[in-house]
Amino acid sequence: MTLRKYGWLFLTTLLLGGLGGILVGLVFDMDKMTEGSVANFLMGMLMYMLYGMTISIVSQMGFFAYMTVNYFAKTIISSASLWKSIQIFLVLFVFFDMVYLRYTMLNEDNSVWFYFIEPIMLLIVAVATAYGKASVTNRSAWVPTLFFMFVVTALEWIPALKQVGVHATLSMLVPLLFCNVWQVMQLHRVLKPKS
């Protein structure tokens, strides 16, 4: 990967995070931003764009941390099937933790089934992204993409998962998903050598 390609991936991910932040602002706080003048609306959009860009930095750190862990794991674990099995186990483990820990930590009057919503929603996006990645590259990309999209996104999402409200969880998830899906779907293009 050249510095130019990395710069392109960094800037496009940053812009997508900003776009995700603007989308969150339009969906959740449109009434507050349209109360006052046009300046109030533009300032609100700017704040949400900067928020989304901040989330994109978290996403990019998670992406490159996963790339580093994946590289070392492939170096240390000689069997590719063992590393894939470990990743699948971690997906299941994180799914359980997202339900159980939130249920015990938040201690709300909700049923345990209420806490299945976020993990199932994230798993659907992760499976769809993994399917898309495998279809444009090869089948071996399915498990790493699923792992990155589910486990790494869940780890990046922890600050919002500590909250109860839909606004708190989705306002962080939307820019995260924009950025994580973009990065994982662009990786093979960025790494592709020029012919």
N, C-alpha and C. Protein backbone atom coordinates (compact mmCIF):
# COMPACT_ATOMS: atom_id res chain seq x y z
N MET A 1 0.85 -1.18 0.00
CA MET A 1 0.00 0.00 0.00
C MET A 1 0.89 1.23 0.00
N THR A 2 0.66 2.10 -0.95
CA THR A 2 1.45 3.33 -1.02
C THR A 2 0.82 4.40 -0.13
N LEU A 3 1.59 5.43 0.12
CA LEU A 3 1.09 6.54 0.93
C LEU A 3 -0.08 7.24 0.24
N ARG A 4 -0.02 7.32 -1.07
CA ARG A 4 -1.11 7.95 -1.83
C ARG A 4 -2.42 7.16 -1.69
N LYS A 5 -2.32 5.83 -1.78
CA LYS A 5 -3.51 4.99 -1.63
C LYS A 5 -4.06 5.08 -0.20
N TYR A 6 -3.15 5.09 0.78
CA TYR A 6 -3.59 5.22 2.16
C TYR A 6 -4.28 6.57 2.37
N GLY A 7 -3.70 7.62 1.81
CA GLY A 7 -4.31 8.95 1.92
C GLY A 7 -5.70 8.99 1.32
N TRP A 8 -5.87 8.33 0.17
CA TRP A 8 -7.19 8.28 -0.47
C TRP A 8 -8.18 7.54 0.42
N LEU A 9 -7.77 6.39 0.97
CA LEU A 9 -8.66 5.62 1.84
C LEU A 9 -9.00 6.41 3.10
N PHE A 10 -8.01 7.09 3.67
CA PHE A 10 -8.22 7.89 4.88
C PHE A 10 -9.23 9.01 4.62
N LEU A 11 -9.01 9.77 3.54
CA LEU A 11 -9.90 10.92 3.26
C LEU A 11 -11.31 10.48 2.89
N THR A 12 -11.45 9.43 2.08
CA THR A 12 -12.80 8.99 1.70
C THR A 12 -13.54 8.43 2.91
N THR A 13 -12.83 7.75 3.79
CA THR A 13 -13.46 7.24 5.01
C THR A 13 -13.86 8.39 5.92
N LEU A 14 -13.02 9.40 6.01
CA LEU A 14 -13.34 10.58 6.81
C LEU A 14 -14.59 11.27 6.28
N LEU A 15 -14.69 11.41 4.96
CA LEU A 15 -15.87 12.05 4.37
C LEU A 15 -17.13 11.20 4.56
N LEU A 16 -16.99 9.88 4.45
CA LEU A 16 -18.15 9.02 4.68
C LEU A 16 -18.62 9.09 6.12
N GLY A 17 -17.68 9.18 7.06
CA GLY A 17 -18.05 9.37 8.46
C GLY A 17 -18.82 10.66 8.65
N GLY A 18 -18.35 11.74 8.01
CA GLY A 18 -19.07 13.01 8.07
C GLY A 18 -20.45 12.91 7.48
N LEU A 19 -20.58 12.19 6.37
CA LEU A 19 -21.90 11.98 5.75
C LEU A 19 -22.82 11.19 6.68
N GLY A 20 -22.26 10.16 7.33
CA GLY A 20 -23.05 9.39 8.31
C GLY A 20 -23.50 10.26 9.47
N GLY A 21 -22.62 11.16 9.93
CA GLY A 21 -22.99 12.08 11.00
C GLY A 21 -24.11 13.03 10.58
N ILE A 22 -24.03 13.54 9.35
CA ILE A 22 -25.09 14.43 8.84
C ILE A 22 -26.41 13.67 8.76
N LEU A 23 -26.37 12.42 8.31
CA LEU A 23 -27.58 11.61 8.23
C LEU A 23 -28.20 11.42 9.61
N VAL A 24 -27.37 11.19 10.62
CA VAL A 24 -27.86 11.06 12.00
C VAL A 24 -28.54 12.35 12.43
N GLY A 25 -27.92 13.49 12.13
CA GLY A 25 -28.51 14.77 12.49
C GLY A 25 -29.85 15.00 11.81
N LEU A 26 -29.94 14.64 10.54
CA LEU A 26 -31.20 14.83 9.81
C LEU A 26 -32.30 13.93 10.34
N VAL A 27 -31.96 12.73 10.76
CA VAL A 27 -32.98 11.80 11.25
C VAL A 27 -33.39 12.12 12.68
N PHE A 28 -32.44 12.38 13.57
CA PHE A 28 -32.76 12.51 14.98
C PHE A 28 -33.02 13.94 15.46
N ASP A 29 -32.37 14.92 14.87
CA ASP A 29 -32.47 16.27 15.42
C ASP A 29 -32.92 17.32 14.40
N MET A 30 -33.65 16.90 13.39
CA MET A 30 -34.10 17.85 12.37
C MET A 30 -34.99 18.95 12.98
N ASP A 31 -35.84 18.58 13.92
CA ASP A 31 -36.74 19.58 14.52
C ASP A 31 -35.96 20.64 15.30
N LYS A 32 -34.90 20.25 16.01
CA LYS A 32 -34.10 21.21 16.76
C LYS A 32 -33.32 22.13 15.82
N MET A 33 -32.82 21.56 14.72
CA MET A 33 -32.00 22.37 13.81
C MET A 33 -32.83 23.32 12.96
N THR A 34 -34.11 23.03 12.77
CA THR A 34 -34.95 23.91 11.96
C THR A 34 -35.73 24.91 12.81
N GLU A 35 -35.54 24.90 14.13
CA GLU A 35 -36.24 25.84 15.00
C GLU A 35 -35.83 27.29 14.73
N GLY A 36 -34.57 27.51 14.54
CA GLY A 36 -34.07 28.88 14.42
C GLY A 36 -33.80 29.27 12.98
N SER A 37 -32.73 29.98 12.82
CA SER A 37 -32.37 30.52 11.51
C SER A 37 -31.64 29.48 10.67
N VAL A 38 -31.30 29.89 9.46
CA VAL A 38 -30.51 29.03 8.57
C VAL A 38 -29.14 28.78 9.17
N ALA A 39 -28.60 29.78 9.86
CA ALA A 39 -27.29 29.62 10.51
C ALA A 39 -27.34 28.51 11.56
N ASN A 40 -28.46 28.42 12.29
CA ASN A 40 -28.62 27.35 13.28
C ASN A 40 -28.60 25.99 12.60
N PHE A 41 -29.28 25.87 11.47
CA PHE A 41 -29.32 24.62 10.72
C PHE A 41 -27.92 24.25 10.21
N LEU A 42 -27.23 25.22 9.62
CA LEU A 42 -25.90 24.96 9.07
C LEU A 42 -24.90 24.61 10.17
N MET A 43 -25.01 25.28 11.31
CA MET A 43 -24.11 24.97 12.43
C MET A 43 -24.40 23.58 12.97
N GLY A 44 -25.68 23.22 13.04
CA GLY A 44 -26.04 21.86 13.48
C GLY A 44 -25.48 20.81 12.54
N MET A 45 -25.59 21.05 11.23
CA MET A 45 -25.05 20.11 10.24
C MET A 45 -23.53 20.00 10.36
N LEU A 46 -22.88 21.13 10.59
CA LEU A 46 -21.43 21.13 10.76
C LEU A 46 -21.03 20.32 11.99
N MET A 47 -21.76 20.49 13.09
CA MET A 47 -21.45 19.75 14.32
C MET A 47 -21.62 18.24 14.11
N TYR A 48 -22.71 17.86 13.44
CA TYR A 48 -22.93 16.43 13.17
C TYR A 48 -21.90 15.88 12.18
N MET A 49 -21.47 16.69 11.23
CA MET A 49 -20.44 16.25 10.30
C MET A 49 -19.12 16.01 11.04
N LEU A 50 -18.76 16.93 11.92
CA LEU A 50 -17.53 16.77 12.71
C LEU A 50 -17.63 15.57 13.65
N TYR A 51 -18.81 15.34 14.20
CA TYR A 51 -19.03 14.16 15.04
C TYR A 51 -18.81 12.88 14.23
N GLY A 52 -19.38 12.83 13.04
CA GLY A 52 -19.20 11.66 12.17
C GLY A 52 -17.75 11.47 11.77
N MET A 53 -17.04 12.56 11.52
CA MET A 53 -15.63 12.46 11.17
C MET A 53 -14.80 11.94 12.35
N THR A 54 -15.18 12.33 13.56
CA THR A 54 -14.50 11.82 14.75
C THR A 54 -14.72 10.31 14.87
N ILE A 55 -15.95 9.87 14.63
CA ILE A 55 -16.26 8.44 14.66
C ILE A 55 -15.47 7.71 13.58
N SER A 56 -15.26 8.36 12.43
CA SER A 56 -14.50 7.71 11.35
C SER A 56 -13.05 7.46 11.77
N ILE A 57 -12.50 8.33 12.60
CA ILE A 57 -11.13 8.11 13.10
C ILE A 57 -11.10 6.87 13.99
N VAL A 58 -12.12 6.71 14.84
CA VAL A 58 -12.23 5.51 15.67
C VAL A 58 -12.32 4.27 14.77
N SER A 59 -13.11 4.37 13.72
CA SER A 59 -13.27 3.27 12.78
C SER A 59 -11.95 2.91 12.11
N GLN A 60 -11.22 3.92 11.69
CA GLN A 60 -9.94 3.66 11.02
C GLN A 60 -8.91 3.06 11.96
N MET A 61 -8.91 3.49 13.21
CA MET A 61 -8.00 2.87 14.18
C MET A 61 -8.35 1.40 14.38
N GLY A 62 -9.64 1.11 14.48
CA GLY A 62 -10.08 -0.28 14.62
C GLY A 62 -9.72 -1.12 13.42
N PHE A 63 -9.84 -0.54 12.23
CA PHE A 63 -9.54 -1.26 10.99
C PHE A 63 -8.06 -1.63 10.93
N PHE A 64 -7.20 -0.68 11.20
CA PHE A 64 -5.78 -0.97 11.14
C PHE A 64 -5.31 -1.82 12.32
N ALA A 65 -5.99 -1.72 13.46
CA ALA A 65 -5.68 -2.64 14.56
C ALA A 65 -6.04 -4.06 14.16
N TYR A 66 -7.20 -4.24 13.53
CA TYR A 66 -7.57 -5.58 13.08
C TYR A 66 -6.59 -6.10 12.03
N MET A 67 -6.17 -5.25 11.11
CA MET A 67 -5.22 -5.69 10.08
C MET A 67 -3.91 -6.16 10.73
N THR A 68 -3.48 -5.48 11.78
CA THR A 68 -2.26 -5.86 12.48
C THR A 68 -2.45 -7.19 13.22
N VAL A 69 -3.57 -7.31 13.95
CA VAL A 69 -3.86 -8.55 14.68
C VAL A 69 -3.99 -9.72 13.70
N ASN A 70 -4.66 -9.50 12.59
CA ASN A 70 -4.84 -10.55 11.59
C ASN A 70 -3.49 -11.00 11.02
N TYR A 71 -2.62 -10.06 10.76
CA TYR A 71 -1.29 -10.38 10.24
C TYR A 71 -0.50 -11.23 11.23
N PHE A 72 -0.48 -10.79 12.50
CA PHE A 72 0.26 -11.54 13.51
C PHE A 72 -0.36 -12.90 13.76
N ALA A 73 -1.69 -12.98 13.77
CA ALA A 73 -2.35 -14.27 13.99
C ALA A 73 -2.03 -15.26 12.87
N LYS A 74 -2.02 -14.77 11.63
CA LYS A 74 -1.68 -15.65 10.52
C LYS A 74 -0.22 -16.10 10.59
N THR A 75 0.64 -15.25 11.16
CA THR A 75 2.05 -15.60 11.31
C THR A 75 2.25 -16.61 12.43
N ILE A 76 1.56 -16.42 13.55
CA ILE A 76 1.73 -17.28 14.72
C ILE A 76 0.98 -18.61 14.56
N ILE A 77 -0.27 -18.52 14.10
CA ILE A 77 -1.08 -19.74 13.94
C ILE A 77 -0.86 -20.28 12.54
N SER A 78 -0.24 -21.42 12.47
CA SER A 78 0.14 -21.97 11.16
C SER A 78 -1.06 -22.49 10.37
N SER A 79 -2.11 -22.90 11.06
CA SER A 79 -3.28 -23.45 10.38
C SER A 79 -4.30 -22.34 10.10
N ALA A 80 -4.63 -22.14 8.83
CA ALA A 80 -5.61 -21.11 8.46
C ALA A 80 -6.99 -21.47 8.99
N SER A 81 -7.32 -22.74 9.00
CA SER A 81 -8.64 -23.15 9.48
C SER A 81 -8.78 -22.92 10.98
N LEU A 82 -7.68 -23.05 11.73
CA LEU A 82 -7.73 -22.77 13.17
C LEU A 82 -8.00 -21.29 13.43
N TRP A 83 -7.34 -20.41 12.68
CA TRP A 83 -7.56 -18.97 12.84
C TRP A 83 -9.00 -18.61 12.47
N LYS A 84 -9.54 -19.22 11.43
CA LYS A 84 -10.94 -18.97 11.08
C LYS A 84 -11.88 -19.45 12.18
N SER A 85 -11.57 -20.61 12.76
CA SER A 85 -12.40 -21.14 13.85
C SER A 85 -12.35 -20.22 15.07
N ILE A 86 -11.18 -19.69 15.36
CA ILE A 86 -11.05 -18.75 16.48
C ILE A 86 -11.89 -17.50 16.22
N GLN A 87 -11.86 -16.99 14.99
CA GLN A 87 -12.64 -15.80 14.66
C GLN A 87 -14.14 -16.07 14.78
N ILE A 88 -14.59 -17.22 14.33
CA ILE A 88 -16.02 -17.56 14.45
C ILE A 88 -16.41 -17.68 15.92
N PHE A 89 -15.55 -18.32 16.72
CA PHE A 89 -15.81 -18.42 18.16
C PHE A 89 -15.92 -17.02 18.78
N LEU A 90 -15.02 -16.12 18.40
CA LEU A 90 -15.07 -14.76 18.95
C LEU A 90 -16.32 -14.00 18.53
N VAL A 91 -16.81 -14.25 17.33
CA VAL A 91 -18.07 -13.64 16.90
C VAL A 91 -19.20 -14.10 17.82
N LEU A 92 -19.28 -15.40 18.07
CA LEU A 92 -20.32 -15.93 18.96
C LEU A 92 -20.15 -15.42 20.39
N PHE A 93 -18.91 -15.34 20.85
CA PHE A 93 -18.64 -14.86 22.20
C PHE A 93 -19.06 -13.39 22.36
N VAL A 94 -18.72 -12.56 21.38
CA VAL A 94 -19.08 -11.14 21.45
C VAL A 94 -20.60 -10.97 21.34
N PHE A 95 -21.25 -11.80 20.52
CA PHE A 95 -22.72 -11.75 20.43
C PHE A 95 -23.32 -12.01 21.81
N PHE A 96 -22.86 -13.06 22.49
CA PHE A 96 -23.34 -13.38 23.83
C PHE A 96 -23.07 -12.22 24.79
N ASP A 97 -21.86 -11.67 24.74
CA ASP A 97 -21.51 -10.56 25.64
C ASP A 97 -22.35 -9.32 25.38
N MET A 98 -22.64 -9.03 24.12
CA MET A 98 -23.45 -7.85 23.81
C MET A 98 -24.85 -7.97 24.43
N VAL A 99 -25.35 -9.18 24.53
CA VAL A 99 -26.66 -9.39 25.14
C VAL A 99 -26.53 -9.42 26.66
N TYR A 100 -25.70 -10.32 27.16
CA TYR A 100 -25.62 -10.58 28.60
C TYR A 100 -25.08 -9.38 29.39
N LEU A 101 -23.98 -8.81 28.93
CA LEU A 101 -23.38 -7.71 29.68
C LEU A 101 -24.26 -6.47 29.70
N ARG A 102 -24.91 -6.18 28.58
CA ARG A 102 -25.81 -5.02 28.59
C ARG A 102 -27.02 -5.28 29.47
N TYR A 103 -27.51 -6.51 29.46
CA TYR A 103 -28.66 -6.86 30.30
C TYR A 103 -28.32 -6.72 31.78
N THR A 104 -27.14 -7.18 32.19
CA THR A 104 -26.77 -7.10 33.60
C THR A 104 -26.26 -5.70 33.97
N MET A 105 -25.58 -5.02 33.06
CA MET A 105 -24.98 -3.72 33.37
C MET A 105 -26.02 -2.60 33.43
N LEU A 106 -26.91 -2.57 32.45
CA LEU A 106 -27.87 -1.47 32.40
C LEU A 106 -29.00 -1.64 33.40
N ASN A 107 -29.29 -2.88 33.78
CA ASN A 107 -30.22 -3.17 34.86
C ASN A 107 -31.55 -2.44 34.71
N GLU A 108 -32.09 -2.43 33.50
CA GLU A 108 -33.38 -1.81 33.23
C GLU A 108 -34.49 -2.81 33.47
N ASP A 109 -35.72 -2.36 33.33
CA ASP A 109 -36.87 -3.23 33.50
C ASP A 109 -37.19 -4.03 32.24
N ASN A 110 -36.34 -3.93 31.24
CA ASN A 110 -36.59 -4.64 29.98
C ASN A 110 -36.27 -6.12 30.12
N SER A 111 -36.94 -6.90 29.28
CA SER A 111 -36.66 -8.33 29.20
C SER A 111 -35.29 -8.53 28.54
N VAL A 112 -34.72 -9.71 28.74
CA VAL A 112 -33.43 -10.02 28.12
C VAL A 112 -33.55 -9.99 26.60
N TRP A 113 -34.73 -10.27 26.08
CA TRP A 113 -34.93 -10.29 24.62
C TRP A 113 -34.75 -8.91 24.01
N PHE A 114 -34.99 -7.86 24.78
CA PHE A 114 -34.80 -6.49 24.31
C PHE A 114 -33.34 -6.26 23.89
N TYR A 115 -32.41 -6.90 24.58
CA TYR A 115 -30.99 -6.69 24.32
C TYR A 115 -30.45 -7.53 23.16
N PHE A 116 -31.31 -8.29 22.52
CA PHE A 116 -30.92 -9.02 21.31
C PHE A 116 -31.00 -8.14 20.07
N ILE A 117 -31.67 -7.00 20.16
CA ILE A 117 -31.92 -6.16 18.98
C ILE A 117 -30.61 -5.69 18.34
N GLU A 118 -29.74 -5.05 19.13
CA GLU A 118 -28.49 -4.51 18.57
C GLU A 118 -27.58 -5.60 18.01
N PRO A 119 -27.33 -6.70 18.75
CA PRO A 119 -26.44 -7.72 18.17
C PRO A 119 -27.00 -8.35 16.89
N ILE A 120 -28.30 -8.58 16.86
CA ILE A 120 -28.89 -9.17 15.65
C ILE A 120 -28.80 -8.19 14.48
N MET A 121 -29.07 -6.92 14.76
CA MET A 121 -28.97 -5.90 13.71
C MET A 121 -27.54 -5.82 13.17
N LEU A 122 -26.56 -5.82 14.07
CA LEU A 122 -25.16 -5.76 13.65
C LEU A 122 -24.75 -7.03 12.91
N LEU A 123 -25.24 -8.18 13.36
CA LEU A 123 -24.91 -9.44 12.70
C LEU A 123 -25.46 -9.49 11.28
N ILE A 124 -26.65 -8.95 11.07
CA ILE A 124 -27.24 -8.92 9.72
C ILE A 124 -26.37 -8.09 8.79
N VAL A 125 -25.94 -6.92 9.26
CA VAL A 125 -25.07 -6.06 8.44
C VAL A 125 -23.73 -6.76 8.19
N ALA A 126 -23.19 -7.42 9.21
CA ALA A 126 -21.90 -8.11 9.08
C ALA A 126 -21.98 -9.25 8.07
N VAL A 127 -23.05 -10.03 8.13
CA VAL A 127 -23.23 -11.15 7.19
C VAL A 127 -23.40 -10.62 5.76
N ALA A 128 -24.19 -9.56 5.60
CA ALA A 128 -24.40 -8.99 4.26
C ALA A 128 -23.08 -8.44 3.70
N THR A 129 -22.31 -7.77 4.52
CA THR A 129 -21.02 -7.23 4.08
C THR A 129 -20.05 -8.36 3.74
N ALA A 130 -20.03 -9.40 4.57
CA ALA A 130 -19.14 -10.54 4.31
C ALA A 130 -19.53 -11.22 3.00
N TYR A 131 -20.82 -11.35 2.76
CA TYR A 131 -21.28 -11.95 1.50
C TYR A 131 -20.84 -11.09 0.31
N GLY A 132 -21.01 -9.77 0.45
CA GLY A 132 -20.60 -8.86 -0.63
C GLY A 132 -19.10 -8.90 -0.87
N LYS A 133 -18.33 -8.94 0.20
CA LYS A 133 -16.87 -8.99 0.06
C LYS A 133 -16.43 -10.30 -0.59
N ALA A 134 -17.03 -11.41 -0.17
CA ALA A 134 -16.68 -12.71 -0.75
C ALA A 134 -17.07 -12.79 -2.21
N SER A 135 -18.15 -12.13 -2.59
CA SER A 135 -18.57 -12.19 -3.99
C SER A 135 -17.68 -11.37 -4.91
N VAL A 136 -17.07 -10.30 -4.41
CA VAL A 136 -16.18 -9.50 -5.27
C VAL A 136 -14.72 -9.93 -5.18
N THR A 137 -14.38 -10.71 -4.15
CA THR A 137 -13.00 -11.20 -4.05
C THR A 137 -12.99 -12.73 -4.15
N ASN A 138 -12.99 -13.39 -3.01
CA ASN A 138 -13.06 -14.86 -2.99
C ASN A 138 -13.67 -15.32 -1.68
N ARG A 139 -14.00 -16.61 -1.60
CA ARG A 139 -14.71 -17.14 -0.43
C ARG A 139 -13.90 -17.05 0.85
N SER A 140 -12.59 -17.03 0.74
CA SER A 140 -11.76 -16.98 1.95
C SER A 140 -11.88 -15.65 2.69
N ALA A 141 -12.46 -14.63 2.05
CA ALA A 141 -12.63 -13.33 2.69
C ALA A 141 -13.87 -13.28 3.59
N TRP A 142 -14.70 -14.31 3.55
CA TRP A 142 -15.98 -14.28 4.26
C TRP A 142 -15.80 -14.19 5.77
N VAL A 143 -15.04 -15.09 6.36
CA VAL A 143 -14.88 -15.12 7.82
C VAL A 143 -14.14 -13.88 8.35
N PRO A 144 -13.02 -13.47 7.74
CA PRO A 144 -12.37 -12.26 8.25
C PRO A 144 -13.26 -11.01 8.17
N THR A 145 -14.04 -10.92 7.09
CA THR A 145 -14.94 -9.77 6.96
C THR A 145 -16.04 -9.82 8.02
N LEU A 146 -16.60 -11.00 8.23
CA LEU A 146 -17.62 -11.17 9.27
C LEU A 146 -17.05 -10.80 10.64
N PHE A 147 -15.84 -11.27 10.92
CA PHE A 147 -15.19 -10.98 12.20
C PHE A 147 -14.96 -9.48 12.36
N PHE A 148 -14.40 -8.86 11.35
CA PHE A 148 -14.14 -7.42 11.45
C PHE A 148 -15.45 -6.64 11.62
N MET A 149 -16.42 -6.95 10.78
CA MET A 149 -17.66 -6.18 10.82
C MET A 149 -18.45 -6.38 12.12
N PHE A 150 -18.35 -7.57 12.72
CA PHE A 150 -19.10 -7.79 13.94
C PHE A 150 -18.28 -7.48 15.19
N VAL A 151 -17.14 -8.13 15.34
CA VAL A 151 -16.38 -8.01 16.58
C VAL A 151 -15.74 -6.62 16.72
N VAL A 152 -15.06 -6.18 15.67
CA VAL A 152 -14.37 -4.89 15.77
C VAL A 152 -15.38 -3.74 15.86
N THR A 153 -16.46 -3.82 15.09
CA THR A 153 -17.49 -2.77 15.19
C THR A 153 -18.11 -2.76 16.58
N ALA A 154 -18.34 -3.93 17.16
CA ALA A 154 -18.90 -3.98 18.52
C ALA A 154 -17.94 -3.35 19.53
N LEU A 155 -16.65 -3.60 19.37
CA LEU A 155 -15.67 -2.99 20.28
C LEU A 155 -15.63 -1.47 20.11
N GLU A 156 -15.70 -1.01 18.88
CA GLU A 156 -15.71 0.44 18.63
C GLU A 156 -16.99 1.08 19.16
N TRP A 157 -18.05 0.31 19.21
CA TRP A 157 -19.39 0.80 19.57
C TRP A 157 -19.62 0.81 21.08
N ILE A 158 -18.68 0.31 21.87
CA ILE A 158 -18.87 0.16 23.32
C ILE A 158 -19.32 1.45 24.02
N PRO A 159 -18.74 2.62 23.74
CA PRO A 159 -19.22 3.82 24.46
C PRO A 159 -20.71 4.07 24.30
N ALA A 160 -21.25 3.82 23.11
CA ALA A 160 -22.68 4.03 22.89
C ALA A 160 -23.51 2.89 23.47
N LEU A 161 -22.96 1.68 23.50
CA LEU A 161 -23.70 0.54 24.04
C LEU A 161 -23.91 0.64 25.54
N LYS A 162 -23.15 1.50 26.20
CA LYS A 162 -23.33 1.70 27.63
C LYS A 162 -24.56 2.57 27.91
N GLN A 163 -25.12 3.15 26.87
CA GLN A 163 -26.31 4.00 27.01
C GLN A 163 -27.56 3.18 26.72
N VAL A 164 -28.71 3.66 27.13
CA VAL A 164 -29.96 2.95 26.92
C VAL A 164 -30.69 3.46 25.69
N GLY A 165 -30.63 4.73 25.39
CA GLY A 165 -31.45 5.33 24.34
C GLY A 165 -31.06 4.91 22.93
N VAL A 166 -32.06 4.90 22.07
CA VAL A 166 -31.86 4.57 20.66
C VAL A 166 -30.98 5.62 20.00
N HIS A 167 -31.19 6.89 20.37
CA HIS A 167 -30.41 7.97 19.78
C HIS A 167 -28.92 7.76 20.03
N ALA A 168 -28.56 7.41 21.25
CA ALA A 168 -27.14 7.24 21.60
C ALA A 168 -26.51 6.08 20.83
N THR A 169 -27.23 4.97 20.74
CA THR A 169 -26.64 3.80 20.07
C THR A 169 -26.57 3.98 18.56
N LEU A 170 -27.64 4.49 17.96
CA LEU A 170 -27.65 4.62 16.50
C LEU A 170 -26.80 5.79 16.01
N SER A 171 -26.69 6.84 16.82
CA SER A 171 -25.90 7.99 16.36
C SER A 171 -24.43 7.63 16.21
N MET A 172 -23.96 6.65 16.95
CA MET A 172 -22.58 6.20 16.78
C MET A 172 -22.49 5.08 15.75
N LEU A 173 -23.52 4.23 15.70
CA LEU A 173 -23.47 3.07 14.80
C LEU A 173 -23.51 3.47 13.33
N VAL A 174 -24.31 4.45 12.97
CA VAL A 174 -24.45 4.80 11.55
C VAL A 174 -23.11 5.23 10.94
N PRO A 175 -22.39 6.21 11.52
CA PRO A 175 -21.08 6.55 10.93
C PRO A 175 -20.09 5.39 10.99
N LEU A 176 -20.14 4.59 12.07
CA LEU A 176 -19.25 3.44 12.17
C LEU A 176 -19.48 2.46 11.03
N LEU A 177 -20.73 2.16 10.75
CA LEU A 177 -21.03 1.21 9.68
C LEU A 177 -20.67 1.79 8.32
N PHE A 178 -20.96 3.06 8.09
CA PHE A 178 -20.56 3.69 6.83
C PHE A 178 -19.05 3.48 6.61
N CYS A 179 -18.27 3.77 7.65
CA CYS A 179 -16.81 3.71 7.53
C CYS A 179 -16.29 2.28 7.45
N ASN A 180 -16.79 1.41 8.31
CA ASN A 180 -16.27 0.04 8.33
C ASN A 180 -16.61 -0.72 7.05
N VAL A 181 -17.83 -0.56 6.57
CA VAL A 181 -18.21 -1.23 5.31
C VAL A 181 -17.36 -0.68 4.17
N TRP A 182 -17.17 0.61 4.13
CA TRP A 182 -16.38 1.23 3.07
C TRP A 182 -14.94 0.71 3.08
N GLN A 183 -14.32 0.71 4.26
CA GLN A 183 -12.92 0.29 4.35
C GLN A 183 -12.73 -1.17 3.93
N VAL A 184 -13.60 -2.03 4.43
CA VAL A 184 -13.43 -3.45 4.13
C VAL A 184 -13.73 -3.75 2.66
N MET A 185 -14.65 -3.00 2.06
CA MET A 185 -14.97 -3.23 0.65
C MET A 185 -13.95 -2.59 -0.28
N GLN A 186 -13.16 -1.65 0.20
CA GLN A 186 -12.15 -1.00 -0.63
C GLN A 186 -10.76 -1.61 -0.46
N LEU A 187 -10.56 -2.43 0.56
CA LEU A 187 -9.23 -2.93 0.87
C LEU A 187 -8.59 -3.66 -0.31
N HIS A 188 -9.32 -4.57 -0.96
CA HIS A 188 -8.72 -5.32 -2.06
C HIS A 188 -8.37 -4.42 -3.24
N ARG A 189 -9.13 -3.33 -3.41
CA ARG A 189 -8.82 -2.39 -4.49
C ARG A 189 -7.56 -1.58 -4.18
N VAL A 190 -7.41 -1.21 -2.91
CA VAL A 190 -6.26 -0.42 -2.49
C VAL A 190 -4.98 -1.26 -2.56
N LEU A 191 -5.10 -2.53 -2.17
CA LEU A 191 -3.92 -3.40 -2.16
C LEU A 191 -3.57 -4.00 -3.52
N LYS A 192 -4.48 -3.85 -4.47
CA LYS A 192 -4.26 -4.44 -5.79
C LYS A 192 -3.08 -3.75 -6.47
N PRO A 193 -2.07 -4.53 -6.90
CA PRO A 193 -0.92 -3.89 -7.56
C PRO A 193 -1.30 -3.37 -8.93
N LYS A 194 -0.66 -2.30 -9.34
CA LYS A 194 -0.91 -1.76 -10.68
C LYS A 194 -0.37 -2.73 -11.72
N SER A 195 -1.17 -2.95 -12.77
CA SER A 195 -0.71 -3.87 -13.82
C SER A 195 -0.06 -3.13 -14.96
